[in-house]
Every structure is written in C-alpha cells, then in structure tokens.
Amino acid sequence: MITVTRINGTKIVINALLIEWIEEAADTVITLTTGNKLVVKERANELILLNQQYLQSIGLVAAAQKLDQMEGPST
C-alpha cells in the first residue's frame, strides 16, 4: 500500500499492485486495474519510487531480481 495526496490535500492509501498506469500532464492521474482513476499531487517519478519501495518491502523486487539472476542474461 502507498499513500498519495488528492488534489484537495486529502491523503489516501491505495494498493500499489492495482496501478495499471500513470498519466502526467497538468495533473497526475493514476488508473487502477479496477478502472478507477485518481488525480493526485505526486508526480509520476515519485509514484514510481513509492511503488518500488513498496515492492521491495514485500519482497517482490528481490524475488524478481533473484529470478533474473537464475535465468541468466537474455539473448
């Protein structure tokens, strides 16, 4: 779960695993796999960092890196 800030300043916590994509224009829009859209103050690079930190905290990043090491370089 990551905490983001709506445009009105309200903090909300969302499931980072449900983020489908992030659009950055005048505002940042997060689209979830559920179809819900959230307009937030954070920029895309901040959201990516928050998501990476969350994935590391639950062990998904380490698991993916270990799998990559086991498979070796791609050709």
PDB file of N, CA and C in Angstrom:
ATOM      1  N   MET A   1       0.844  -1.171   0.000  1.00  0.00           N
ATOM      2  CA  MET A   1       0.000   0.000   0.000  1.00  0.00           C
ATOM      3  C   MET A   1       0.894   1.241   0.000  1.00  0.00           C
ATOM      4  N   ILE A   2       0.467   2.251  -0.747  1.00  0.00           N
ATOM      5  CA  ILE A   2       1.198   3.509  -0.769  1.00  0.00           C
ATOM      6  C   ILE A   2       0.229   4.658  -0.462  1.00  0.00           C
ATOM      7  N   THR A   3       0.762   5.699   0.144  1.00  0.00           N
ATOM      8  CA  THR A   3      -0.034   6.874   0.467  1.00  0.00           C
ATOM      9  C   THR A   3       0.174   7.933  -0.597  1.00  0.00           C
ATOM     10  N   VAL A   4      -0.925   8.454  -1.120  1.00  0.00           N
ATOM     11  CA  VAL A   4      -0.886   9.520  -2.120  1.00  0.00           C
ATOM     12  C   VAL A   4      -1.779  10.660  -1.651  1.00  0.00           C
ATOM     13  N   THR A   5      -1.613  11.820  -2.284  1.00  0.00           N
ATOM     14  CA  THR A   5      -2.362  13.006  -1.886  1.00  0.00           C
ATOM     15  C   THR A   5      -3.272  13.455  -3.019  1.00  0.00           C
ATOM     16  N   ARG A   6      -4.569  13.494  -2.758  1.00  0.00           N
ATOM     17  CA  ARG A   6      -5.510  14.014  -3.747  1.00  0.00           C
ATOM     18  C   ARG A   6      -5.267  15.508  -3.927  1.00  0.00           C
ATOM     19  N   ILE A   7      -5.784  16.064  -4.993  1.00  0.00           N
ATOM     20  CA  ILE A   7      -5.612  17.478  -5.291  1.00  0.00           C
ATOM     21  C   ILE A   7      -6.118  18.369  -4.155  1.00  0.00           C
ATOM     22  N   ASN A   8      -7.165  17.930  -3.448  1.00  0.00           N
ATOM     23  CA  ASN A   8      -7.724  18.735  -2.343  1.00  0.00           C
ATOM     24  C   ASN A   8      -6.919  18.610  -1.052  1.00  0.00           C
ATOM     25  N   GLY A   9      -5.822  17.843  -1.071  1.00  0.00           N
ATOM     26  CA  GLY A   9      -4.955  17.688   0.097  1.00  0.00           C
ATOM     27  C   GLY A   9      -5.238  16.467   0.941  1.00  0.00           C
ATOM     28  N   THR A  10      -6.308  15.755   0.654  1.00  0.00           N
ATOM     29  CA  THR A  10      -6.662  14.544   1.399  1.00  0.00           C
ATOM     30  C   THR A  10      -5.670  13.432   1.081  1.00  0.00           C
ATOM     31  N   LYS A  11      -5.151  12.795   2.119  1.00  0.00           N
ATOM     32  CA  LYS A  11      -4.258  11.655   1.953  1.00  0.00           C
ATOM     33  C   LYS A  11      -5.111  10.391   1.847  1.00  0.00           C
ATOM     34  N   ILE A  12      -4.768   9.536   0.888  1.00  0.00           N
ATOM     35  CA  ILE A  12      -5.439   8.240   0.776  1.00  0.00           C
ATOM     36  C   ILE A  12      -4.379   7.169   0.574  1.00  0.00           C
ATOM     37  N   VAL A  13      -4.709   5.963   0.942  1.00  0.00           N
ATOM     38  CA  VAL A  13      -3.809   4.828   0.797  1.00  0.00           C
ATOM     39  C   VAL A  13      -4.393   3.915  -0.273  1.00  0.00           C
ATOM     40  N   ILE A  14      -3.560   3.580  -1.262  1.00  0.00           N
ATOM     41  CA  ILE A  14      -4.039   2.715  -2.341  1.00  0.00           C
ATOM     42  C   ILE A  14      -3.169   1.468  -2.434  1.00  0.00           C
ATOM     43  N   ASN A  15      -3.728   0.442  -3.010  1.00  0.00           N
ATOM     44  CA  ASN A  15      -3.000  -0.793  -3.244  1.00  0.00           C
ATOM     45  C   ASN A  15      -2.101  -0.598  -4.461  1.00  0.00           C
ATOM     46  N   ALA A  16      -0.809  -0.559  -4.243  1.00  0.00           N
ATOM     47  CA  ALA A  16       0.154  -0.296  -5.312  1.00  0.00           C
ATOM     48  C   ALA A  16       0.115  -1.380  -6.391  1.00  0.00           C
ATOM     49  N   LEU A  17      -0.330  -2.560  -6.052  1.00  0.00           N
ATOM     50  CA  LEU A  17      -0.380  -3.653  -7.018  1.00  0.00           C
ATOM     51  C   LEU A  17      -1.506  -3.462  -8.035  1.00  0.00           C
ATOM     52  N   LEU A  18      -2.421  -2.538  -7.753  1.00  0.00           N
ATOM     53  CA  LEU A  18      -3.547  -2.297  -8.658  1.00  0.00           C
ATOM     54  C   LEU A  18      -3.297  -1.166  -9.648  1.00  0.00           C
ATOM     55  N   ILE A  19      -2.112  -0.535  -9.578  1.00  0.00           N
ATOM     56  CA  ILE A  19      -1.822   0.555 -10.510  1.00  0.00           C
ATOM     57  C   ILE A  19      -1.580  -0.027 -11.895  1.00  0.00           C
ATOM     58  N   GLU A  20      -2.387   0.413 -12.844  1.00  0.00           N
ATOM     59  CA  GLU A  20      -2.229  -0.041 -14.225  1.00  0.00           C
ATOM     60  C   GLU A  20      -1.333   0.913 -14.993  1.00  0.00           C
ATOM     61  N   TRP A  21      -1.620   2.223 -14.882  1.00  0.00           N
ATOM     62  CA  TRP A  21      -0.732   3.200 -15.488  1.00  0.00           C
ATOM     63  C   TRP A  21      -0.874   4.546 -14.806  1.00  0.00           C
ATOM     64  N   ILE A  22       0.125   5.410 -15.088  1.00  0.00           N
ATOM     65  CA  ILE A  22       0.160   6.753 -14.531  1.00  0.00           C
ATOM     66  C   ILE A  22       0.304   7.721 -15.689  1.00  0.00           C
ATOM     67  N   GLU A  23      -0.584   8.714 -15.739  1.00  0.00           N
ATOM     68  CA  GLU A  23      -0.507   9.745 -16.771  1.00  0.00           C
ATOM     69  C   GLU A  23      -0.111  11.056 -16.099  1.00  0.00           C
ATOM     70  N   GLU A  24       0.847  11.742 -16.692  1.00  0.00           N
ATOM     71  CA  GLU A  24       1.289  13.005 -16.119  1.00  0.00           C
ATOM     72  C   GLU A  24       1.105  14.112 -17.149  1.00  0.00           C
ATOM     73  N   ALA A  25       0.222  15.037 -16.840  1.00  0.00           N
ATOM     74  CA  ALA A  25       0.008  16.220 -17.671  1.00  0.00           C
ATOM     75  C   ALA A  25       0.002  17.397 -16.702  1.00  0.00           C
ATOM     76  N   ALA A  26      -1.017  18.222 -16.727  1.00  0.00           N
ATOM     77  CA  ALA A  26      -1.125  19.288 -15.730  1.00  0.00           C
ATOM     78  C   ALA A  26      -1.251  18.674 -14.333  1.00  0.00           C
ATOM     79  N   ASP A  27      -2.013  17.603 -14.244  1.00  0.00           N
ATOM     80  CA  ASP A  27      -2.153  16.840 -13.002  1.00  0.00           C
ATOM     81  C   ASP A  27      -1.693  15.413 -13.281  1.00  0.00           C
ATOM     82  N   THR A  28      -1.472  14.662 -12.213  1.00  0.00           N
ATOM     83  CA  THR A  28      -1.094  13.261 -12.351  1.00  0.00           C
ATOM     84  C   THR A  28      -2.335  12.400 -12.121  1.00  0.00           C
ATOM     85  N   VAL A  29      -2.612  11.513 -13.069  1.00  0.00           N
ATOM     86  CA  VAL A  29      -3.776  10.636 -12.971  1.00  0.00           C
ATOM     87  C   VAL A  29      -3.293   9.194 -12.876  1.00  0.00           C
ATOM     88  N   ILE A  30      -3.726   8.522 -11.815  1.00  0.00           N
ATOM     89  CA  ILE A  30      -3.428   7.105 -11.630  1.00  0.00           C
ATOM     90  C   ILE A  30      -4.653   6.325 -12.068  1.00  0.00           C
ATOM     91  N   THR A  31      -4.469   5.383 -12.980  1.00  0.00           N
ATOM     92  CA  THR A  31      -5.554   4.491 -13.377  1.00  0.00           C
ATOM     93  C   THR A  31      -5.287   3.131 -12.755  1.00  0.00           C
ATOM     94  N   LEU A  32      -6.281   2.630 -12.048  1.00  0.00           N
ATOM     95  CA  LEU A  32      -6.161   1.325 -11.394  1.00  0.00           C
ATOM     96  C   LEU A  32      -6.729   0.230 -12.301  1.00  0.00           C
ATOM     97  N   THR A  33      -6.359  -0.990 -12.039  1.00  0.00           N
ATOM     98  CA  THR A  33      -6.868  -2.111 -12.823  1.00  0.00           C
ATOM     99  C   THR A  33      -8.372  -2.261 -12.684  1.00  0.00           C
ATOM    100  N   THR A  34      -8.936  -1.660 -11.665  1.00  0.00           N
ATOM    101  CA  THR A  34     -10.382  -1.703 -11.453  1.00  0.00           C
ATOM    102  C   THR A  34     -11.119  -0.719 -12.350  1.00  0.00           C
ATOM    103  N   GLY A  35     -10.356   0.171 -13.020  1.00  0.00           N
ATOM    104  CA  GLY A  35     -10.957   1.202 -13.843  1.00  0.00           C
ATOM    105  C   GLY A  35     -11.081   2.536 -13.124  1.00  0.00           C
ATOM    106  N   ASN A  36     -10.910   2.528 -11.806  1.00  0.00           N
ATOM    107  CA  ASN A  36     -10.959   3.782 -11.042  1.00  0.00           C
ATOM    108  C   ASN A  36      -9.782   4.667 -11.405  1.00  0.00           C
ATOM    109  N   LYS A  37     -10.027   5.972 -11.421  1.00  0.00           N
ATOM    110  CA  LYS A  37      -8.969   6.944 -11.702  1.00  0.00           C
ATOM    111  C   LYS A  37      -8.845   7.881 -10.517  1.00  0.00           C
ATOM    112  N   LEU A  38      -7.607   8.205 -10.174  1.00  0.00           N
ATOM    113  CA  LEU A  38      -7.332   9.119  -9.065  1.00  0.00           C
ATOM    114  C   LEU A  38      -6.456  10.248  -9.569  1.00  0.00           C
ATOM    115  N   VAL A  39      -6.817  11.481  -9.247  1.00  0.00           N
ATOM    116  CA  VAL A  39      -5.981  12.629  -9.571  1.00  0.00           C
ATOM    117  C   VAL A  39      -5.213  12.981  -8.299  1.00  0.00           C
ATOM    118  N   VAL A  40      -3.886  12.992  -8.399  1.00  0.00           N
ATOM    119  CA  VAL A  40      -3.055  13.183  -7.212  1.00  0.00           C
ATOM    120  C   VAL A  40      -2.010  14.271  -7.430  1.00  0.00           C
ATOM    121  N   LYS A  41      -1.458  14.750  -6.321  1.00  0.00           N
ATOM    122  CA  LYS A  41      -0.441  15.800  -6.366  1.00  0.00           C
ATOM    123  C   LYS A  41       0.936  15.258  -6.735  1.00  0.00           C
ATOM    124  N   GLU A  42       1.227  14.016  -6.357  1.00  0.00           N
ATOM    125  CA  GLU A  42       2.545  13.442  -6.611  1.00  0.00           C
ATOM    126  C   GLU A  42       2.799  13.324  -8.110  1.00  0.00           C
ATOM    127  N   ARG A  43       4.034  13.503  -8.512  1.00  0.00           N
ATOM    128  CA  ARG A  43       4.423  13.347  -9.905  1.00  0.00           C
ATOM    129  C   ARG A  43       4.713  11.871 -10.175  1.00  0.00           C
ATOM    130  N   ALA A  44       4.784  11.501 -11.418  1.00  0.00           N
ATOM    131  CA  ALA A  44       4.975  10.101 -11.810  1.00  0.00           C
ATOM    132  C   ALA A  44       6.247   9.509 -11.206  1.00  0.00           C
ATOM    133  N   ASN A  45       7.351  10.264 -11.244  1.00  0.00           N
ATOM    134  CA  ASN A  45       8.606   9.718 -10.717  1.00  0.00           C
ATOM    135  C   ASN A  45       8.507   9.430  -9.217  1.00  0.00           C
ATOM    136  N   GLU A  46       7.756  10.252  -8.463  1.00  0.00           N
ATOM    137  CA  GLU A  46       7.545   9.990  -7.039  1.00  0.00           C
ATOM    138  C   GLU A  46       6.726   8.713  -6.838  1.00  0.00           C
ATOM    139  N   LEU A  47       5.705   8.544  -7.664  1.00  0.00           N
ATOM    140  CA  LEU A  47       4.849   7.363  -7.556  1.00  0.00           C
ATOM    141  C   LEU A  47       5.615   6.093  -7.903  1.00  0.00           C
ATOM    142  N   ILE A  48       6.478   6.185  -8.889  1.00  0.00           N
ATOM    143  CA  ILE A  48       7.304   5.029  -9.260  1.00  0.00           C
ATOM    144  C   ILE A  48       8.208   4.655  -8.095  1.00  0.00           C
ATOM    145  N   LEU A  49       8.834   5.640  -7.467  1.00  0.00           N
ATOM    146  CA  LEU A  49       9.702   5.380  -6.320  1.00  0.00           C
ATOM    147  C   LEU A  49       8.914   4.765  -5.163  1.00  0.00           C
ATOM    148  N   LEU A  50       7.743   5.324  -4.860  1.00  0.00           N
ATOM    149  CA  LEU A  50       6.901   4.761  -3.796  1.00  0.00           C
ATOM    150  C   LEU A  50       6.524   3.310  -4.097  1.00  0.00           C
ATOM    151  N   ASN A  51       6.194   3.054  -5.358  1.00  0.00           N
ATOM    152  CA  ASN A  51       5.811   1.698  -5.757  1.00  0.00           C
ATOM    153  C   ASN A  51       6.997   0.744  -5.625  1.00  0.00           C
ATOM    154  N   GLN A  52       8.178   1.172  -6.055  1.00  0.00           N
ATOM    155  CA  GLN A  52       9.372   0.331  -5.937  1.00  0.00           C
ATOM    156  C   GLN A  52       9.682   0.025  -4.479  1.00  0.00           C
ATOM    157  N   GLN A  53       9.568   1.036  -3.615  1.00  0.00           N
ATOM    158  CA  GLN A  53       9.821   0.825  -2.188  1.00  0.00           C
ATOM    159  C   GLN A  53       8.827  -0.168  -1.603  1.00  0.00           C
ATOM    160  N   TYR A  54       7.572  -0.045  -2.017  1.00  0.00           N
ATOM    161  CA  TYR A  54       6.557  -0.976  -1.530  1.00  0.00           C
ATOM    162  C   TYR A  54       6.870  -2.402  -1.996  1.00  0.00           C
ATOM    163  N   LEU A  55       7.195  -2.553  -3.267  1.00  0.00           N
ATOM    164  CA  LEU A  55       7.501  -3.881  -3.793  1.00  0.00           C
ATOM    165  C   LEU A  55       8.710  -4.491  -3.097  1.00  0.00           C
ATOM    166  N   GLN A  56       9.705  -3.675  -2.786  1.00  0.00           N
ATOM    167  CA  GLN A  56      10.857  -4.169  -2.041  1.00  0.00           C
ATOM    168  C   GLN A  56      10.450  -4.590  -0.634  1.00  0.00           C
ATOM    169  N   SER A  57       9.566  -3.817  -0.011  1.00  0.00           N
ATOM    170  CA  SER A  57       9.159  -4.113   1.365  1.00  0.00           C
ATOM    171  C   SER A  57       8.404  -5.434   1.475  1.00  0.00           C
ATOM    172  N   ILE A  58       7.733  -5.854   0.416  1.00  0.00           N
ATOM    173  CA  ILE A  58       7.016  -7.129   0.462  1.00  0.00           C
ATOM    174  C   ILE A  58       7.796  -8.249  -0.225  1.00  0.00           C
ATOM    175  N   GLY A  59       9.008  -7.938  -0.677  1.00  0.00           N
ATOM    176  CA  GLY A  59       9.886  -8.967  -1.223  1.00  0.00           C
ATOM    177  C   GLY A  59       9.703  -9.278  -2.693  1.00  0.00           C
ATOM    178  N   LEU A  60       8.864  -8.548  -3.405  1.00  0.00           N
ATOM    179  CA  LEU A  60       8.644  -8.853  -4.816  1.00  0.00           C
ATOM    180  C   LEU A  60       9.812  -8.435  -5.691  1.00  0.00           C
ATOM    181  N   VAL A  61      10.451  -7.319  -5.381  1.00  0.00           N
ATOM    182  CA  VAL A  61      11.585  -6.866  -6.192  1.00  0.00           C
ATOM    183  C   VAL A  61      12.745  -7.826  -6.023  1.00  0.00           C
ATOM    184  N   ALA A  62      13.030  -8.228  -4.800  1.00  0.00           N
ATOM    185  CA  ALA A  62      14.130  -9.158  -4.556  1.00  0.00           C
ATOM    186  C   ALA A  62      13.865 -10.489  -5.257  1.00  0.00           C
ATOM    187  N   ALA A  63      12.621 -10.951  -5.239  1.00  0.00           N
ATOM    188  CA  ALA A  63      12.277 -12.209  -5.894  1.00  0.00           C
ATOM    189  C   ALA A  63      12.474 -12.108  -7.402  1.00  0.00           C
ATOM    190  N   ALA A  64      12.093 -11.000  -7.995  1.00  0.00           N
ATOM    191  CA  ALA A  64      12.262 -10.813  -9.435  1.00  0.00           C
ATOM    192  C   ALA A  64      13.735 -10.740  -9.802  1.00  0.00           C
ATOM    193  N   GLN A  65      14.540 -10.061  -8.988  1.00  0.00           N
ATOM    194  CA  GLN A  65      15.971  -9.963  -9.261  1.00  0.00           C
ATOM    195  C   GLN A  65      16.628 -11.334  -9.145  1.00  0.00           C
ATOM    196  N   LYS A  66      16.232 -12.121  -8.169  1.00  0.00           N
ATOM    197  CA  LYS A  66      16.786 -13.455  -7.993  1.00  0.00           C
ATOM    198  C   LYS A  66      16.429 -14.338  -9.189  1.00  0.00           C
ATOM    199  N   LEU A  67      15.192 -14.232  -9.662  1.00  0.00           N
ATOM    200  CA  LEU A  67      14.761 -14.998 -10.825  1.00  0.00           C
ATOM    201  C   LEU A  67      15.582 -14.607 -12.045  1.00  0.00           C
ATOM    202  N   ASP A  68      15.813 -13.300 -12.246  1.00  0.00           N
ATOM    203  CA  ASP A  68      16.632 -12.842 -13.358  1.00  0.00           C
ATOM    204  C   ASP A  68      18.039 -13.416 -13.281  1.00  0.00           C
ATOM    205  N   GLN A  69      18.603 -13.459 -12.078  1.00  0.00           N
ATOM    206  CA  GLN A  69      19.952 -13.994 -11.911  1.00  0.00           C
ATOM    207  C   GLN A  69      19.990 -15.492 -12.214  1.00  0.00           C
ATOM    208  N   MET A  70      18.937 -16.212 -11.848  1.00  0.00           N
ATOM    209  CA  MET A  70      18.877 -17.652 -12.093  1.00  0.00           C
ATOM    210  C   MET A  70      18.753 -17.935 -13.585  1.00  0.00           C
ATOM    211  N   GLU A  71      18.010 -17.088 -14.312  1.00  0.00           N
ATOM    212  CA  GLU A  71      17.792 -17.314 -15.729  1.00  0.00           C
ATOM    213  C   GLU A  71      18.994 -16.883 -16.561  1.00  0.00           C
ATOM    214  N   GLY A  72      19.815 -15.994 -16.025  1.00  0.00           N
ATOM    215  CA  GLY A  72      20.984 -15.525 -16.742  1.00  0.00           C
ATOM    216  C   GLY A  72      20.612 -14.471 -17.760  1.00  0.00           C
ATOM    217  N   PRO A  73      21.623 -13.988 -18.502  1.00  0.00           N
ATOM    218  CA  PRO A  73      21.356 -12.926 -19.476  1.00  0.00           C
ATOM    219  C   PRO A  73      20.495 -13.420 -20.629  1.00  0.00           C
ATOM    220  N   SER A  74      19.630 -12.526 -21.105  1.00  0.00           N
ATOM    221  CA  SER A  74      18.778 -12.888 -22.233  1.00  0.00           C
ATOM    222  C   SER A  74      19.550 -12.688 -23.529  1.00  0.00           C
ATOM    223  N   THR A  75      19.248 -13.512 -24.506  1.00  0.00           N
ATOM    224  CA  THR A  75      19.955 -13.416 -25.797  1.00  0.00           C
ATOM    225  C   THR A  75      19.022 -12.997 -26.886  1.00  0.00           C
TER     226      THR A  75
END
